Amino acid sequence: MDPEAARSARESLDLAFHMSNILDTGLDRHALSILIALCDLGVNPEALAAIVKELRKERLPLSSLLPTPPS
């Protein structure tokens, strides 16, 4: 990824994370980036939202189901 594309992607994630915080979604930056990537791949966003809601009902942290980022 070229530096300009990386900067643009980072700015987009920053904006989405800011909106997520305003809406009090409780999503961390990593979880949000994975959900956005899944949407970019064509996964239905409403289905993802339903999964997140169901996981919260069961009190399972979303991060426990996501791969850990490389160190």
PDB file of N, CA and C in Angstrom:
ATOM      1  N   MET A   1       0.854  -1.178   0.000  1.00  0.00           N
ATOM      2  CA  MET A   1       0.000   0.000   0.000  1.00  0.00           C
ATOM      3  C   MET A   1       0.896   1.236   0.000  1.00  0.00           C
ATOM      4  N   ASP A   2       0.602   2.144  -0.891  1.00  0.00           N
ATOM      5  CA  ASP A   2       1.435   3.342  -0.948  1.00  0.00           C
ATOM      6  C   ASP A   2       1.123   4.251   0.249  1.00  0.00           C
ATOM      7  N   PRO A   3       2.047   5.132   0.585  1.00  0.00           N
ATOM      8  CA  PRO A   3       1.878   5.983   1.776  1.00  0.00           C
ATOM      9  C   PRO A   3       0.604   6.826   1.763  1.00  0.00           C
ATOM     10  N   GLU A   4       0.218   7.319   0.606  1.00  0.00           N
ATOM     11  CA  GLU A   4      -0.992   8.142   0.516  1.00  0.00           C
ATOM     12  C   GLU A   4      -2.238   7.306   0.802  1.00  0.00           C
ATOM     13  N   ALA A   5      -2.281   6.097   0.266  1.00  0.00           N
ATOM     14  CA  ALA A   5      -3.421   5.214   0.514  1.00  0.00           C
ATOM     15  C   ALA A   5      -3.474   4.807   1.987  1.00  0.00           C
ATOM     16  N   ALA A   6      -2.310   4.556   2.576  1.00  0.00           N
ATOM     17  CA  ALA A   6      -2.250   4.200   3.992  1.00  0.00           C
ATOM     18  C   ALA A   6      -2.745   5.357   4.860  1.00  0.00           C
ATOM     19  N   ARG A   7      -2.348   6.568   4.518  1.00  0.00           N
ATOM     20  CA  ARG A   7      -2.792   7.745   5.272  1.00  0.00           C
ATOM     21  C   ARG A   7      -4.296   7.921   5.151  1.00  0.00           C
ATOM     22  N   SER A   8      -4.812   7.748   3.957  1.00  0.00           N
ATOM     23  CA  SER A   8      -6.243   7.886   3.722  1.00  0.00           C
ATOM     24  C   SER A   8      -7.029   6.826   4.501  1.00  0.00           C
ATOM     25  N   ALA A   9      -6.539   5.597   4.497  1.00  0.00           N
ATOM     26  CA  ALA A   9      -7.198   4.517   5.237  1.00  0.00           C
ATOM     27  C   ALA A   9      -7.186   4.804   6.732  1.00  0.00           C
ATOM     28  N   ARG A  10      -6.068   5.289   7.232  1.00  0.00           N
ATOM     29  CA  ARG A  10      -5.945   5.620   8.659  1.00  0.00           C
ATOM     30  C   ARG A  10      -6.905   6.747   9.037  1.00  0.00           C
ATOM     31  N   GLU A  11      -6.998   7.778   8.180  1.00  0.00           N
ATOM     32  CA  GLU A  11      -7.915   8.887   8.439  1.00  0.00           C
ATOM     33  C   GLU A  11      -9.365   8.412   8.424  1.00  0.00           C
ATOM     34  N   SER A  12      -9.691   7.518   7.497  1.00  0.00           N
ATOM     35  CA  SER A  12     -11.052   6.981   7.428  1.00  0.00           C
ATOM     36  C   SER A  12     -11.390   6.195   8.680  1.00  0.00           C
ATOM     37  N   LEU A  13     -10.443   5.377   9.144  1.00  0.00           N
ATOM     38  CA  LEU A  13     -10.673   4.609  10.370  1.00  0.00           C
ATOM     39  C   LEU A  13     -10.793   5.542  11.566  1.00  0.00           C
ATOM     40  N   ASP A  14      -9.971   6.582  11.608  1.00  0.00           N
ATOM     41  CA  ASP A  14     -10.064   7.555  12.705  1.00  0.00           C
ATOM     42  C   ASP A  14     -11.452   8.195  12.743  1.00  0.00           C
ATOM     43  N   LEU A  15     -11.972   8.572  11.581  1.00  0.00           N
ATOM     44  CA  LEU A  15     -13.292   9.179  11.511  1.00  0.00           C
ATOM     45  C   LEU A  15     -14.371   8.187  11.937  1.00  0.00           C
ATOM     46  N   ALA A  16     -14.288   6.951  11.442  1.00  0.00           N
ATOM     47  CA  ALA A  16     -15.272   5.930  11.815  1.00  0.00           C
ATOM     48  C   ALA A  16     -15.208   5.643  13.317  1.00  0.00           C
ATOM     49  N   PHE A  17     -14.008   5.613  13.879  1.00  0.00           N
ATOM     50  CA  PHE A  17     -13.852   5.365  15.310  1.00  0.00           C
ATOM     51  C   PHE A  17     -14.426   6.522  16.117  1.00  0.00           C
ATOM     52  N   HIS A  18     -14.222   7.741  15.650  1.00  0.00           N
ATOM     53  CA  HIS A  18     -14.781   8.908  16.326  1.00  0.00           C
ATOM     54  C   HIS A  18     -16.315   8.833  16.322  1.00  0.00           C
ATOM     55  N   MET A  19     -16.900   8.498  15.177  1.00  0.00           N
ATOM     56  CA  MET A  19     -18.353   8.359  15.102  1.00  0.00           C
ATOM     57  C   MET A  19     -18.836   7.219  15.992  1.00  0.00           C
ATOM     58  N   SER A  20     -18.081   6.134  16.017  1.00  0.00           N
ATOM     59  CA  SER A  20     -18.420   4.994  16.870  1.00  0.00           C
ATOM     60  C   SER A  20     -18.447   5.407  18.337  1.00  0.00           C
ATOM     61  N   ASN A  21     -17.492   6.233  18.741  1.00  0.00           N
ATOM     62  CA  ASN A  21     -17.456   6.713  20.126  1.00  0.00           C
ATOM     63  C   ASN A  21     -18.620   7.644  20.428  1.00  0.00           C
ATOM     64  N   ILE A  22     -18.949   8.521  19.482  1.00  0.00           N
ATOM     65  CA  ILE A  22     -20.083   9.423  19.669  1.00  0.00           C
ATOM     66  C   ILE A  22     -21.376   8.612  19.853  1.00  0.00           C
ATOM     67  N   LEU A  23     -21.500   7.541  19.069  1.00  0.00           N
ATOM     68  CA  LEU A  23     -22.685   6.695  19.148  1.00  0.00           C
ATOM     69  C   LEU A  23     -22.615   5.692  20.303  1.00  0.00           C
ATOM     70  N   ASP A  24     -21.505   5.711  21.030  1.00  0.00           N
ATOM     71  CA  ASP A  24     -21.313   4.849  22.199  1.00  0.00           C
ATOM     72  C   ASP A  24     -21.512   3.370  21.861  1.00  0.00           C
ATOM     73  N   THR A  25     -20.847   2.926  20.784  1.00  0.00           N
ATOM     74  CA  THR A  25     -20.980   1.532  20.358  1.00  0.00           C
ATOM     75  C   THR A  25     -20.201   0.569  21.240  1.00  0.00           C
ATOM     76  N   GLY A  26     -19.169   1.077  21.896  1.00  0.00           N
ATOM     77  CA  GLY A  26     -18.351   0.207  22.720  1.00  0.00           C
ATOM     78  C   GLY A  26     -17.338  -0.604  21.924  1.00  0.00           C
ATOM     79  N   LEU A  27     -17.227  -0.330  20.642  1.00  0.00           N
ATOM     80  CA  LEU A  27     -16.271  -1.060  19.812  1.00  0.00           C
ATOM     81  C   LEU A  27     -14.889  -0.430  19.938  1.00  0.00           C
ATOM     82  N   ASP A  28     -13.874  -1.277  20.063  1.00  0.00           N
ATOM     83  CA  ASP A  28     -12.519  -0.734  20.052  1.00  0.00           C
ATOM     84  C   ASP A  28     -12.077  -0.558  18.599  1.00  0.00           C
ATOM     85  N   ARG A  29     -10.969   0.105  18.410  1.00  0.00           N
ATOM     86  CA  ARG A  29     -10.494   0.434  17.063  1.00  0.00           C
ATOM     87  C   ARG A  29     -10.237  -0.836  16.235  1.00  0.00           C
ATOM     88  N   HIS A  30      -9.681  -1.853  16.858  1.00  0.00           N
ATOM     89  CA  HIS A  30      -9.368  -3.096  16.140  1.00  0.00           C
ATOM     90  C   HIS A  30     -10.649  -3.798  15.674  1.00  0.00           C
ATOM     91  N   ALA A  31     -11.616  -3.937  16.583  1.00  0.00           N
ATOM     92  CA  ALA A  31     -12.878  -4.589  16.223  1.00  0.00           C
ATOM     93  C   ALA A  31     -13.580  -3.807  15.116  1.00  0.00           C
ATOM     94  N   LEU A  32     -13.593  -2.490  15.241  1.00  0.00           N
ATOM     95  CA  LEU A  32     -14.225  -1.650  14.230  1.00  0.00           C
ATOM     96  C   LEU A  32     -13.553  -1.828  12.875  1.00  0.00           C
ATOM     97  N   SER A  33     -12.230  -1.895  12.863  1.00  0.00           N
ATOM     98  CA  SER A  33     -11.531  -2.045  11.577  1.00  0.00           C
ATOM     99  C   SER A  33     -11.855  -3.390  10.935  1.00  0.00           C
ATOM    100  N   ILE A  34     -12.017  -4.426  11.731  1.00  0.00           N
ATOM    101  CA  ILE A  34     -12.372  -5.739  11.179  1.00  0.00           C
ATOM    102  C   ILE A  34     -13.798  -5.724  10.647  1.00  0.00           C
ATOM    103  N   LEU A  35     -14.711  -5.099  11.383  1.00  0.00           N
ATOM    104  CA  LEU A  35     -16.096  -5.013  10.908  1.00  0.00           C
ATOM    105  C   LEU A  35     -16.176  -4.221   9.606  1.00  0.00           C
ATOM    106  N   ILE A  36     -15.419  -3.149   9.499  1.00  0.00           N
ATOM    107  CA  ILE A  36     -15.392  -2.359   8.262  1.00  0.00           C
ATOM    108  C   ILE A  36     -14.821  -3.194   7.119  1.00  0.00           C
ATOM    109  N   ALA A  37     -13.751  -3.939   7.393  1.00  0.00           N
ATOM    110  CA  ALA A  37     -13.153  -4.788   6.358  1.00  0.00           C
ATOM    111  C   ALA A  37     -14.145  -5.844   5.882  1.00  0.00           C
ATOM    112  N   LEU A  38     -14.909  -6.417   6.801  1.00  0.00           N
ATOM    113  CA  LEU A  38     -15.915  -7.407   6.414  1.00  0.00           C
ATOM    114  C   LEU A  38     -16.986  -6.774   5.527  1.00  0.00           C
ATOM    115  N   CYS A  39     -17.394  -5.563   5.862  1.00  0.00           N
ATOM    116  CA  CYS A  39     -18.367  -4.849   5.016  1.00  0.00           C
ATOM    117  C   CYS A  39     -17.778  -4.593   3.630  1.00  0.00           C
ATOM    118  N   ASP A  40     -16.499  -4.213   3.590  1.00  0.00           N
ATOM    119  CA  ASP A  40     -15.838  -3.976   2.304  1.00  0.00           C
ATOM    120  C   ASP A  40     -15.792  -5.243   1.455  1.00  0.00           C
ATOM    121  N   LEU A  41     -15.780  -6.398   2.115  1.00  0.00           N
ATOM    122  CA  LEU A  41     -15.757  -7.678   1.401  1.00  0.00           C
ATOM    123  C   LEU A  41     -17.145  -8.160   1.010  1.00  0.00           C
ATOM    124  N   GLY A  42     -18.163  -7.369   1.381  1.00  0.00           N
ATOM    125  CA  GLY A  42     -19.513  -7.707   0.950  1.00  0.00           C
ATOM    126  C   GLY A  42     -20.405  -8.329   2.014  1.00  0.00           C
ATOM    127  N   VAL A  43     -19.911  -8.458   3.242  1.00  0.00           N
ATOM    128  CA  VAL A  43     -20.743  -9.005   4.313  1.00  0.00           C
ATOM    129  C   VAL A  43     -21.831  -7.983   4.638  1.00  0.00           C
ATOM    130  N   ASN A  44     -23.030  -8.467   4.861  1.00  0.00           N
ATOM    131  CA  ASN A  44     -24.172  -7.612   5.161  1.00  0.00           C
ATOM    132  C   ASN A  44     -23.956  -6.892   6.494  1.00  0.00           C
ATOM    133  N   PRO A  45     -23.932  -5.548   6.495  1.00  0.00           N
ATOM    134  CA  PRO A  45     -23.698  -4.808   7.740  1.00  0.00           C
ATOM    135  C   PRO A  45     -24.787  -5.029   8.787  1.00  0.00           C
ATOM    136  N   GLU A  46     -26.031  -5.235   8.331  1.00  0.00           N
ATOM    137  CA  GLU A  46     -27.097  -5.501   9.292  1.00  0.00           C
ATOM    138  C   GLU A  46     -26.893  -6.840   9.982  1.00  0.00           C
ATOM    139  N   ALA A  47     -26.387  -7.813   9.245  1.00  0.00           N
ATOM    140  CA  ALA A  47     -26.091  -9.113   9.841  1.00  0.00           C
ATOM    141  C   ALA A  47     -24.957  -8.982  10.858  1.00  0.00           C
ATOM    142  N   LEU A  48     -23.938  -8.204  10.516  1.00  0.00           N
ATOM    143  CA  LEU A  48     -22.846  -7.980  11.464  1.00  0.00           C
ATOM    144  C   LEU A  48     -23.341  -7.298  12.732  1.00  0.00           C
ATOM    145  N   ALA A  49     -24.211  -6.305  12.572  1.00  0.00           N
ATOM    146  CA  ALA A  49     -24.766  -5.608  13.733  1.00  0.00           C
ATOM    147  C   ALA A  49     -25.553  -6.574  14.602  1.00  0.00           C
ATOM    148  N   ALA A  50     -26.317  -7.463  13.987  1.00  0.00           N
ATOM    149  CA  ALA A  50     -27.090  -8.444  14.749  1.00  0.00           C
ATOM    150  C   ALA A  50     -26.166  -9.382  15.524  1.00  0.00           C
ATOM    151  N   ILE A  51     -25.053  -9.769  14.908  1.00  0.00           N
ATOM    152  CA  ILE A  51     -24.094 -10.645  15.587  1.00  0.00           C
ATOM    153  C   ILE A  51     -23.472  -9.938  16.783  1.00  0.00           C
ATOM    154  N   VAL A  52     -23.085  -8.671  16.591  1.00  0.00           N
ATOM    155  CA  VAL A  52     -22.493  -7.902  17.691  1.00  0.00           C
ATOM    156  C   VAL A  52     -23.494  -7.786  18.839  1.00  0.00           C
ATOM    157  N   LYS A  53     -24.749  -7.488  18.520  1.00  0.00           N
ATOM    158  CA  LYS A  53     -25.782  -7.377  19.561  1.00  0.00           C
ATOM    159  C   LYS A  53     -25.963  -8.701  20.294  1.00  0.00           C
ATOM    160  N   GLU A  54     -25.987  -9.790  19.556  1.00  0.00           N
ATOM    161  CA  GLU A  54     -26.165 -11.111  20.182  1.00  0.00           C
ATOM    162  C   GLU A  54     -24.983 -11.453  21.082  1.00  0.00           C
ATOM    163  N   LEU A  55     -23.785 -11.148  20.628  1.00  0.00           N
ATOM    164  CA  LEU A  55     -22.600 -11.405  21.453  1.00  0.00           C
ATOM    165  C   LEU A  55     -22.646 -10.588  22.741  1.00  0.00           C
ATOM    166  N   ARG A  56     -23.142  -9.383  22.654  1.00  0.00           N
ATOM    167  CA  ARG A  56     -23.247  -8.545  23.853  1.00  0.00           C
ATOM    168  C   ARG A  56     -24.280  -9.095  24.817  1.00  0.00           C
ATOM    169  N   LYS A  57     -25.373  -9.651  24.296  1.00  0.00           N
ATOM    170  CA  LYS A  57     -26.373 -10.277  25.159  1.00  0.00           C
ATOM    171  C   LYS A  57     -25.754 -11.434  25.929  1.00  0.00           C
ATOM    172  N   GLU A  58     -24.889 -12.175  25.265  1.00  0.00           N
ATOM    173  CA  GLU A  58     -24.230 -13.321  25.877  1.00  0.00           C
ATOM    174  C   GLU A  58     -23.003 -12.905  26.677  1.00  0.00           C
ATOM    175  N   ARG A  59     -22.715 -11.610  26.660  1.00  0.00           N
ATOM    176  CA  ARG A  59     -21.580 -11.035  27.382  1.00  0.00           C
ATOM    177  C   ARG A  59     -20.228 -11.595  26.931  1.00  0.00           C
ATOM    178  N   LEU A  60     -20.149 -11.946  25.665  1.00  0.00           N
ATOM    179  CA  LEU A  60     -18.882 -12.373  25.097  1.00  0.00           C
ATOM    180  C   LEU A  60     -18.207 -11.161  24.483  1.00  0.00           C
ATOM    181  N   PRO A  61     -16.976 -10.876  24.870  1.00  0.00           N
ATOM    182  CA  PRO A  61     -16.303  -9.750  24.225  1.00  0.00           C
ATOM    183  C   PRO A  61     -16.034 -10.057  22.751  1.00  0.00           C
ATOM    184  N   LEU A  62     -16.369  -9.101  21.897  1.00  0.00           N
ATOM    185  CA  LEU A  62     -16.155  -9.276  20.465  1.00  0.00           C
ATOM    186  C   LEU A  62     -14.696  -9.597  20.177  1.00  0.00           C
ATOM    187  N   SER A  63     -13.802  -8.991  20.933  1.00  0.00           N
ATOM    188  CA  SER A  63     -12.379  -9.215  20.692  1.00  0.00           C
ATOM    189  C   SER A  63     -11.976 -10.660  20.945  1.00  0.00           C
ATOM    190  N   SER A  64     -12.745 -11.413  21.737  1.00  0.00           N
ATOM    191  CA  SER A  64     -12.389 -12.811  21.997  1.00  0.00           C
ATOM    192  C   SER A  64     -12.613 -13.678  20.762  1.00  0.00           C
ATOM    193  N   LEU A  65     -13.422 -13.193  19.813  1.00  0.00           N
ATOM    194  CA  LEU A  65     -13.688 -13.942  18.608  1.00  0.00           C
ATOM    195  C   LEU A  65     -12.848 -13.503  17.431  1.00  0.00           C
ATOM    196  N   LEU A  66     -12.111 -12.405  17.598  1.00  0.00           N
ATOM    197  CA  LEU A  66     -11.311 -11.855  16.516  1.00  0.00           C
ATOM    198  C   LEU A  66      -9.850 -12.272  16.682  1.00  0.00           C
ATOM    199  N   PRO A  67      -9.160 -12.462  15.591  1.00  0.00           N
ATOM    200  CA  PRO A  67      -7.737 -12.776  15.708  1.00  0.00           C
ATOM    201  C   PRO A  67      -6.978 -11.610  16.330  1.00  0.00           C
ATOM    202  N   THR A  68      -5.958 -11.927  17.081  1.00  0.00           N
ATOM    203  CA  THR A  68      -5.166 -10.877  17.701  1.00  0.00           C
ATOM    204  C   THR A  68      -4.272 -10.236  16.650  1.00  0.00           C
ATOM    205  N   PRO A  69      -4.100  -8.917  16.721  1.00  0.00           N
ATOM    206  CA  PRO A  69      -3.262  -8.247  15.726  1.00  0.00           C
ATOM    207  C   PRO A  69      -1.800  -8.631  15.938  1.00  0.00           C
ATOM    208  N   PRO A  70      -1.020  -8.668  14.862  1.00  0.00           N
ATOM    209  CA  PRO A  70       0.402  -8.995  15.011  1.00  0.00           C
ATOM    210  C   PRO A  70       1.114  -7.925  15.827  1.00  0.00           C
ATOM    211  N   SER A  71       2.084  -8.357  16.597  1.00  0.00           N
ATOM    212  CA  SER A  71       2.827  -7.417  17.450  1.00  0.00           C
ATOM    213  C   SER A  71       3.922  -6.738  16.706  1.00  0.00           C
TER     214      SER A  71
END
